[in-house]
Amino acid sequence: MTEPNPHAATPPIQHQQQIHVDDSKAISCYANFCRVTGTPEELIVDFALNNQPMGVPDGPIPVAQRIIMNHFTAKRLLAALQMSVQRHEAAFGVLETDVRKRVLPAIAQGNP
């Protein structure tokens, strides 16, 4: 039987930190449109509801929320969104972002 070596390197203990978020004052809104602009220092993401998602809207799309973040936060958001979409597609199938491709096959099959 071997005795434990007190001088052997022990692997570092990794502690997961729990981040607590207070969302009691969060305002929820729905968006089917977003626009990303920015500067060398930050990204600006506008969210809106486009009442005419098919074709070109006949008026301006009113922006409901604007989120301004630095590029580091944007990269973390990108990774989180990418992971979430991949999980959704793994469970439910590929998400087609072109509305015409989603609608036209149903019309061609006689399912309007």
N, C-alpha and C. Protein backbone atom coordinates (compact mmCIF):
# COMPACT_ATOMS: atom_id res chain seq x y z
N MET A 1 0.85 -1.16 0.00
CA MET A 1 0.00 0.00 0.00
C MET A 1 0.90 1.23 0.00
N THR A 2 0.56 2.21 -0.87
CA THR A 2 1.37 3.42 -0.94
C THR A 2 0.71 4.51 -0.13
N GLU A 3 1.56 5.32 0.47
CA GLU A 3 1.06 6.44 1.25
C GLU A 3 0.97 7.68 0.37
N PRO A 4 0.00 8.52 0.61
CA PRO A 4 -0.10 9.74 -0.20
C PRO A 4 1.13 10.61 -0.03
N ASN A 5 1.56 11.19 -1.12
CA ASN A 5 2.72 12.07 -1.12
C ASN A 5 2.23 13.49 -0.83
N PRO A 6 2.60 14.05 0.32
CA PRO A 6 2.12 15.40 0.64
C PRO A 6 2.70 16.47 -0.28
N HIS A 7 3.76 16.15 -1.01
CA HIS A 7 4.41 17.14 -1.89
C HIS A 7 3.92 17.01 -3.33
N ALA A 8 3.06 16.05 -3.61
CA ALA A 8 2.56 15.89 -4.97
C ALA A 8 1.67 17.09 -5.34
N ALA A 9 1.76 17.47 -6.57
CA ALA A 9 0.96 18.61 -7.04
C ALA A 9 -0.51 18.22 -7.07
N THR A 10 -1.31 19.04 -6.47
CA THR A 10 -2.75 18.79 -6.50
C THR A 10 -3.37 19.71 -7.54
N PRO A 11 -4.32 19.17 -8.29
CA PRO A 11 -4.93 20.03 -9.30
C PRO A 11 -5.69 21.17 -8.64
N PRO A 12 -5.67 22.32 -9.28
CA PRO A 12 -6.38 23.46 -8.68
C PRO A 12 -7.89 23.17 -8.62
N ILE A 13 -8.49 23.58 -7.54
CA ILE A 13 -9.92 23.40 -7.37
C ILE A 13 -10.62 24.53 -8.10
N GLN A 14 -11.53 24.15 -8.99
CA GLN A 14 -12.26 25.15 -9.75
C GLN A 14 -13.63 25.34 -9.12
N HIS A 15 -13.93 26.56 -8.76
CA HIS A 15 -15.22 26.88 -8.17
C HIS A 15 -16.04 27.63 -9.21
N GLN A 16 -17.25 27.14 -9.46
CA GLN A 16 -18.13 27.88 -10.35
C GLN A 16 -18.77 28.99 -9.55
N GLN A 17 -18.65 30.18 -10.08
CA GLN A 17 -19.26 31.32 -9.41
C GLN A 17 -20.69 31.47 -9.89
N GLN A 18 -21.58 31.66 -8.97
CA GLN A 18 -22.99 31.86 -9.29
C GLN A 18 -23.24 33.36 -9.34
N ILE A 19 -23.73 33.83 -10.47
CA ILE A 19 -24.05 35.24 -10.62
C ILE A 19 -25.55 35.40 -10.42
N HIS A 20 -25.92 36.23 -9.51
CA HIS A 20 -27.34 36.48 -9.24
C HIS A 20 -27.78 37.72 -10.00
N VAL A 21 -28.89 37.60 -10.69
CA VAL A 21 -29.42 38.69 -11.50
C VAL A 21 -30.78 39.09 -10.96
N ASP A 22 -30.98 40.38 -10.76
CA ASP A 22 -32.28 40.90 -10.33
C ASP A 22 -32.98 41.44 -11.57
N ASP A 23 -33.95 40.69 -12.07
CA ASP A 23 -34.68 41.13 -13.26
C ASP A 23 -36.07 41.66 -12.92
N SER A 24 -36.27 42.05 -11.67
CA SER A 24 -37.59 42.51 -11.24
C SER A 24 -38.00 43.83 -11.91
N LYS A 25 -37.04 44.60 -12.39
CA LYS A 25 -37.36 45.88 -13.04
C LYS A 25 -37.13 45.84 -14.55
N ALA A 26 -36.91 44.64 -15.08
CA ALA A 26 -36.67 44.50 -16.52
C ALA A 26 -37.96 44.77 -17.30
N ILE A 27 -37.81 45.42 -18.42
CA ILE A 27 -38.94 45.70 -19.30
C ILE A 27 -38.82 44.74 -20.48
N SER A 28 -39.86 43.98 -20.72
CA SER A 28 -39.85 43.02 -21.82
C SER A 28 -40.55 43.62 -23.03
N CYS A 29 -40.01 43.36 -24.19
CA CYS A 29 -40.65 43.77 -25.43
C CYS A 29 -40.33 42.72 -26.48
N TYR A 30 -41.14 42.67 -27.51
CA TYR A 30 -40.94 41.73 -28.60
C TYR A 30 -40.33 42.48 -29.78
N ALA A 31 -39.39 41.84 -30.45
CA ALA A 31 -38.78 42.44 -31.64
C ALA A 31 -38.68 41.40 -32.74
N ASN A 32 -39.02 41.80 -33.95
CA ASN A 32 -38.81 40.93 -35.11
C ASN A 32 -37.86 41.62 -36.11
N PHE A 33 -37.22 42.68 -35.64
CA PHE A 33 -36.29 43.45 -36.46
C PHE A 33 -35.17 43.95 -35.58
N CYS A 34 -33.94 43.89 -36.07
CA CYS A 34 -32.83 44.52 -35.35
C CYS A 34 -31.86 45.10 -36.36
N ARG A 35 -31.16 46.11 -35.91
CA ARG A 35 -30.16 46.79 -36.73
C ARG A 35 -28.93 46.98 -35.87
N VAL A 36 -27.77 46.65 -36.42
CA VAL A 36 -26.52 46.79 -35.67
C VAL A 36 -25.66 47.84 -36.35
N THR A 37 -25.27 48.83 -35.59
CA THR A 37 -24.34 49.86 -36.06
C THR A 37 -23.28 50.00 -34.97
N GLY A 38 -22.33 50.86 -35.18
CA GLY A 38 -21.34 51.01 -34.13
C GLY A 38 -20.23 51.97 -34.46
N THR A 39 -19.33 52.03 -33.51
CA THR A 39 -18.13 52.84 -33.60
C THR A 39 -16.95 51.93 -33.28
N PRO A 40 -15.73 52.41 -33.38
CA PRO A 40 -14.60 51.57 -33.00
C PRO A 40 -14.63 51.15 -31.52
N GLU A 41 -15.36 51.88 -30.68
CA GLU A 41 -15.40 51.57 -29.25
C GLU A 41 -16.59 50.74 -28.82
N GLU A 42 -17.71 50.80 -29.56
CA GLU A 42 -18.92 50.13 -29.09
C GLU A 42 -19.84 49.75 -30.24
N LEU A 43 -20.75 48.84 -29.93
CA LEU A 43 -21.78 48.44 -30.87
C LEU A 43 -23.12 48.95 -30.39
N ILE A 44 -23.97 49.32 -31.32
CA ILE A 44 -25.31 49.80 -31.01
C ILE A 44 -26.28 48.85 -31.68
N VAL A 45 -27.15 48.24 -30.89
CA VAL A 45 -28.13 47.30 -31.42
C VAL A 45 -29.52 47.87 -31.16
N ASP A 46 -30.25 48.14 -32.24
CA ASP A 46 -31.61 48.66 -32.15
C ASP A 46 -32.58 47.50 -32.37
N PHE A 47 -33.62 47.44 -31.54
CA PHE A 47 -34.66 46.42 -31.65
C PHE A 47 -35.98 47.11 -31.95
N ALA A 48 -36.78 46.50 -32.83
CA ALA A 48 -38.05 47.11 -33.22
C ALA A 48 -39.05 46.04 -33.63
N LEU A 49 -40.29 46.48 -33.77
CA LEU A 49 -41.35 45.63 -34.29
C LEU A 49 -41.68 46.13 -35.69
N ASN A 50 -41.43 45.29 -36.68
CA ASN A 50 -41.75 45.61 -38.07
C ASN A 50 -43.13 45.04 -38.36
N ASN A 51 -44.12 45.92 -38.51
CA ASN A 51 -45.49 45.47 -38.75
C ASN A 51 -45.68 44.90 -40.14
N GLN A 52 -44.73 45.11 -41.03
CA GLN A 52 -44.80 44.57 -42.40
C GLN A 52 -43.55 43.74 -42.67
N PRO A 53 -43.46 42.53 -42.09
CA PRO A 53 -42.24 41.74 -42.26
C PRO A 53 -42.03 41.22 -43.68
N MET A 54 -43.10 41.20 -44.49
CA MET A 54 -42.97 40.78 -45.89
C MET A 54 -42.91 42.04 -46.75
N GLY A 55 -41.87 42.15 -47.55
CA GLY A 55 -41.75 43.32 -48.41
C GLY A 55 -41.13 44.50 -47.70
N VAL A 56 -41.19 45.64 -48.35
CA VAL A 56 -40.60 46.86 -47.81
C VAL A 56 -41.67 47.63 -47.04
N PRO A 57 -41.38 47.98 -45.78
CA PRO A 57 -42.37 48.75 -45.01
C PRO A 57 -42.67 50.09 -45.68
N ASP A 58 -43.92 50.55 -45.55
CA ASP A 58 -44.29 51.82 -46.17
C ASP A 58 -43.97 53.03 -45.31
N GLY A 59 -43.45 52.82 -44.12
CA GLY A 59 -43.06 53.91 -43.25
C GLY A 59 -41.87 53.51 -42.41
N PRO A 60 -41.40 54.41 -41.59
CA PRO A 60 -40.24 54.07 -40.75
C PRO A 60 -40.61 53.01 -39.70
N ILE A 61 -39.65 52.20 -39.33
CA ILE A 61 -39.83 51.19 -38.28
C ILE A 61 -39.43 51.85 -36.96
N PRO A 62 -40.36 51.99 -36.02
CA PRO A 62 -40.02 52.66 -34.76
C PRO A 62 -39.17 51.77 -33.86
N VAL A 63 -38.00 52.27 -33.49
CA VAL A 63 -37.10 51.54 -32.61
C VAL A 63 -37.64 51.60 -31.18
N ALA A 64 -37.81 50.42 -30.56
CA ALA A 64 -38.36 50.36 -29.21
C ALA A 64 -37.26 50.32 -28.15
N GLN A 65 -36.16 49.65 -28.45
CA GLN A 65 -35.07 49.51 -27.49
C GLN A 65 -33.74 49.68 -28.20
N ARG A 66 -32.81 50.31 -27.54
CA ARG A 66 -31.45 50.46 -28.07
C ARG A 66 -30.49 49.99 -26.98
N ILE A 67 -29.65 49.01 -27.34
CA ILE A 67 -28.65 48.50 -26.41
C ILE A 67 -27.28 48.89 -26.95
N ILE A 68 -26.49 49.52 -26.10
CA ILE A 68 -25.14 49.94 -26.48
C ILE A 68 -24.18 49.14 -25.63
N MET A 69 -23.22 48.48 -26.27
CA MET A 69 -22.27 47.64 -25.53
C MET A 69 -20.89 47.72 -26.17
N ASN A 70 -19.89 47.36 -25.38
CA ASN A 70 -18.54 47.32 -25.94
C ASN A 70 -18.38 46.02 -26.74
N HIS A 71 -17.32 45.92 -27.51
CA HIS A 71 -17.12 44.76 -28.38
C HIS A 71 -16.86 43.48 -27.59
N PHE A 72 -16.31 43.57 -26.39
CA PHE A 72 -16.09 42.38 -25.57
C PHE A 72 -17.43 41.78 -25.14
N THR A 73 -18.34 42.63 -24.70
CA THR A 73 -19.67 42.16 -24.32
C THR A 73 -20.40 41.63 -25.54
N ALA A 74 -20.25 42.28 -26.67
CA ALA A 74 -20.89 41.82 -27.90
C ALA A 74 -20.40 40.43 -28.28
N LYS A 75 -19.11 40.17 -28.11
CA LYS A 75 -18.57 38.85 -28.44
C LYS A 75 -19.12 37.79 -27.50
N ARG A 76 -19.26 38.11 -26.21
CA ARG A 76 -19.85 37.16 -25.27
C ARG A 76 -21.32 36.93 -25.60
N LEU A 77 -22.03 37.98 -26.00
CA LEU A 77 -23.43 37.84 -26.41
C LEU A 77 -23.54 36.96 -27.66
N LEU A 78 -22.65 37.18 -28.62
CA LEU A 78 -22.62 36.37 -29.83
C LEU A 78 -22.46 34.89 -29.49
N ALA A 79 -21.54 34.57 -28.60
CA ALA A 79 -21.31 33.17 -28.22
C ALA A 79 -22.53 32.58 -27.52
N ALA A 80 -23.16 33.35 -26.64
CA ALA A 80 -24.34 32.87 -25.93
C ALA A 80 -25.51 32.64 -26.89
N LEU A 81 -25.73 33.57 -27.82
CA LEU A 81 -26.80 33.42 -28.80
C LEU A 81 -26.53 32.23 -29.72
N GLN A 82 -25.28 32.09 -30.14
CA GLN A 82 -24.92 30.99 -31.04
C GLN A 82 -25.18 29.64 -30.36
N MET A 83 -24.81 29.52 -29.09
CA MET A 83 -25.05 28.29 -28.35
C MET A 83 -26.55 28.01 -28.20
N SER A 84 -27.31 29.04 -27.92
CA SER A 84 -28.75 28.87 -27.75
C SER A 84 -29.42 28.45 -29.06
N VAL A 85 -29.04 29.05 -30.17
CA VAL A 85 -29.62 28.70 -31.46
C VAL A 85 -29.21 27.28 -31.85
N GLN A 86 -27.97 26.91 -31.61
CA GLN A 86 -27.53 25.55 -31.93
C GLN A 86 -28.33 24.52 -31.14
N ARG A 87 -28.58 24.78 -29.86
CA ARG A 87 -29.39 23.86 -29.05
C ARG A 87 -30.81 23.76 -29.59
N HIS A 88 -31.38 24.90 -29.96
CA HIS A 88 -32.74 24.91 -30.51
C HIS A 88 -32.81 24.11 -31.81
N GLU A 89 -31.84 24.34 -32.70
CA GLU A 89 -31.84 23.63 -33.97
C GLU A 89 -31.60 22.13 -33.78
N ALA A 90 -30.80 21.76 -32.81
CA ALA A 90 -30.58 20.34 -32.53
C ALA A 90 -31.87 19.67 -32.07
N ALA A 91 -32.70 20.41 -31.35
CA ALA A 91 -33.95 19.85 -30.84
C ALA A 91 -35.09 19.93 -31.84
N PHE A 92 -35.14 21.00 -32.64
CA PHE A 92 -36.33 21.26 -33.46
C PHE A 92 -36.06 21.37 -34.96
N GLY A 93 -34.81 21.34 -35.38
CA GLY A 93 -34.49 21.46 -36.80
C GLY A 93 -33.93 22.84 -37.13
N VAL A 94 -33.39 22.93 -38.33
CA VAL A 94 -32.72 24.16 -38.79
C VAL A 94 -33.72 25.30 -38.91
N LEU A 95 -33.33 26.47 -38.46
CA LEU A 95 -34.14 27.68 -38.56
C LEU A 95 -33.84 28.37 -39.89
N GLU A 96 -34.83 28.50 -40.74
CA GLU A 96 -34.67 29.20 -42.01
C GLU A 96 -34.99 30.66 -41.78
N THR A 97 -34.01 31.53 -42.00
CA THR A 97 -34.22 32.96 -41.73
C THR A 97 -34.86 33.70 -42.90
N ASP A 98 -34.88 33.11 -44.08
CA ASP A 98 -35.53 33.74 -45.23
C ASP A 98 -37.01 33.38 -45.19
N VAL A 99 -37.85 34.37 -44.90
CA VAL A 99 -39.29 34.14 -44.76
C VAL A 99 -39.87 33.54 -46.04
N ARG A 100 -39.41 34.00 -47.19
CA ARG A 100 -39.95 33.49 -48.47
C ARG A 100 -39.71 31.99 -48.62
N LYS A 101 -38.57 31.51 -48.16
CA LYS A 101 -38.28 30.07 -48.25
C LYS A 101 -39.15 29.27 -47.28
N ARG A 102 -39.57 29.89 -46.17
CA ARG A 102 -40.44 29.20 -45.22
C ARG A 102 -41.87 29.17 -45.74
N VAL A 103 -42.31 30.23 -46.41
CA VAL A 103 -43.69 30.34 -46.85
C VAL A 103 -43.92 29.66 -48.19
N LEU A 104 -43.03 29.84 -49.15
CA LEU A 104 -43.23 29.31 -50.50
C LEU A 104 -43.38 27.80 -50.56
N PRO A 105 -42.60 26.98 -49.84
CA PRO A 105 -42.82 25.54 -49.91
C PRO A 105 -44.22 25.14 -49.47
N ALA A 106 -44.78 25.81 -48.48
CA ALA A 106 -46.12 25.49 -48.02
C ALA A 106 -47.15 25.85 -49.09
N ILE A 107 -46.96 26.97 -49.78
CA ILE A 107 -47.89 27.38 -50.84
C ILE A 107 -47.78 26.42 -52.02
N ALA A 108 -46.56 26.01 -52.36
CA ALA A 108 -46.35 25.09 -53.49
C ALA A 108 -47.02 23.74 -53.23
N GLN A 109 -47.12 23.35 -51.97
CA GLN A 109 -47.76 22.08 -51.61
C GLN A 109 -49.26 22.23 -51.42
N GLY A 110 -49.77 23.43 -51.60
CA GLY A 110 -51.20 23.65 -51.43
C GLY A 110 -51.61 23.85 -50.00
N ASN A 111 -50.68 24.24 -49.14
CA ASN A 111 -50.98 24.52 -47.72
C ASN A 111 -50.75 26.00 -47.44
N PRO A 112 -51.69 26.86 -47.79
CA PRO A 112 -51.46 28.30 -47.60
C PRO A 112 -51.39 28.68 -46.15
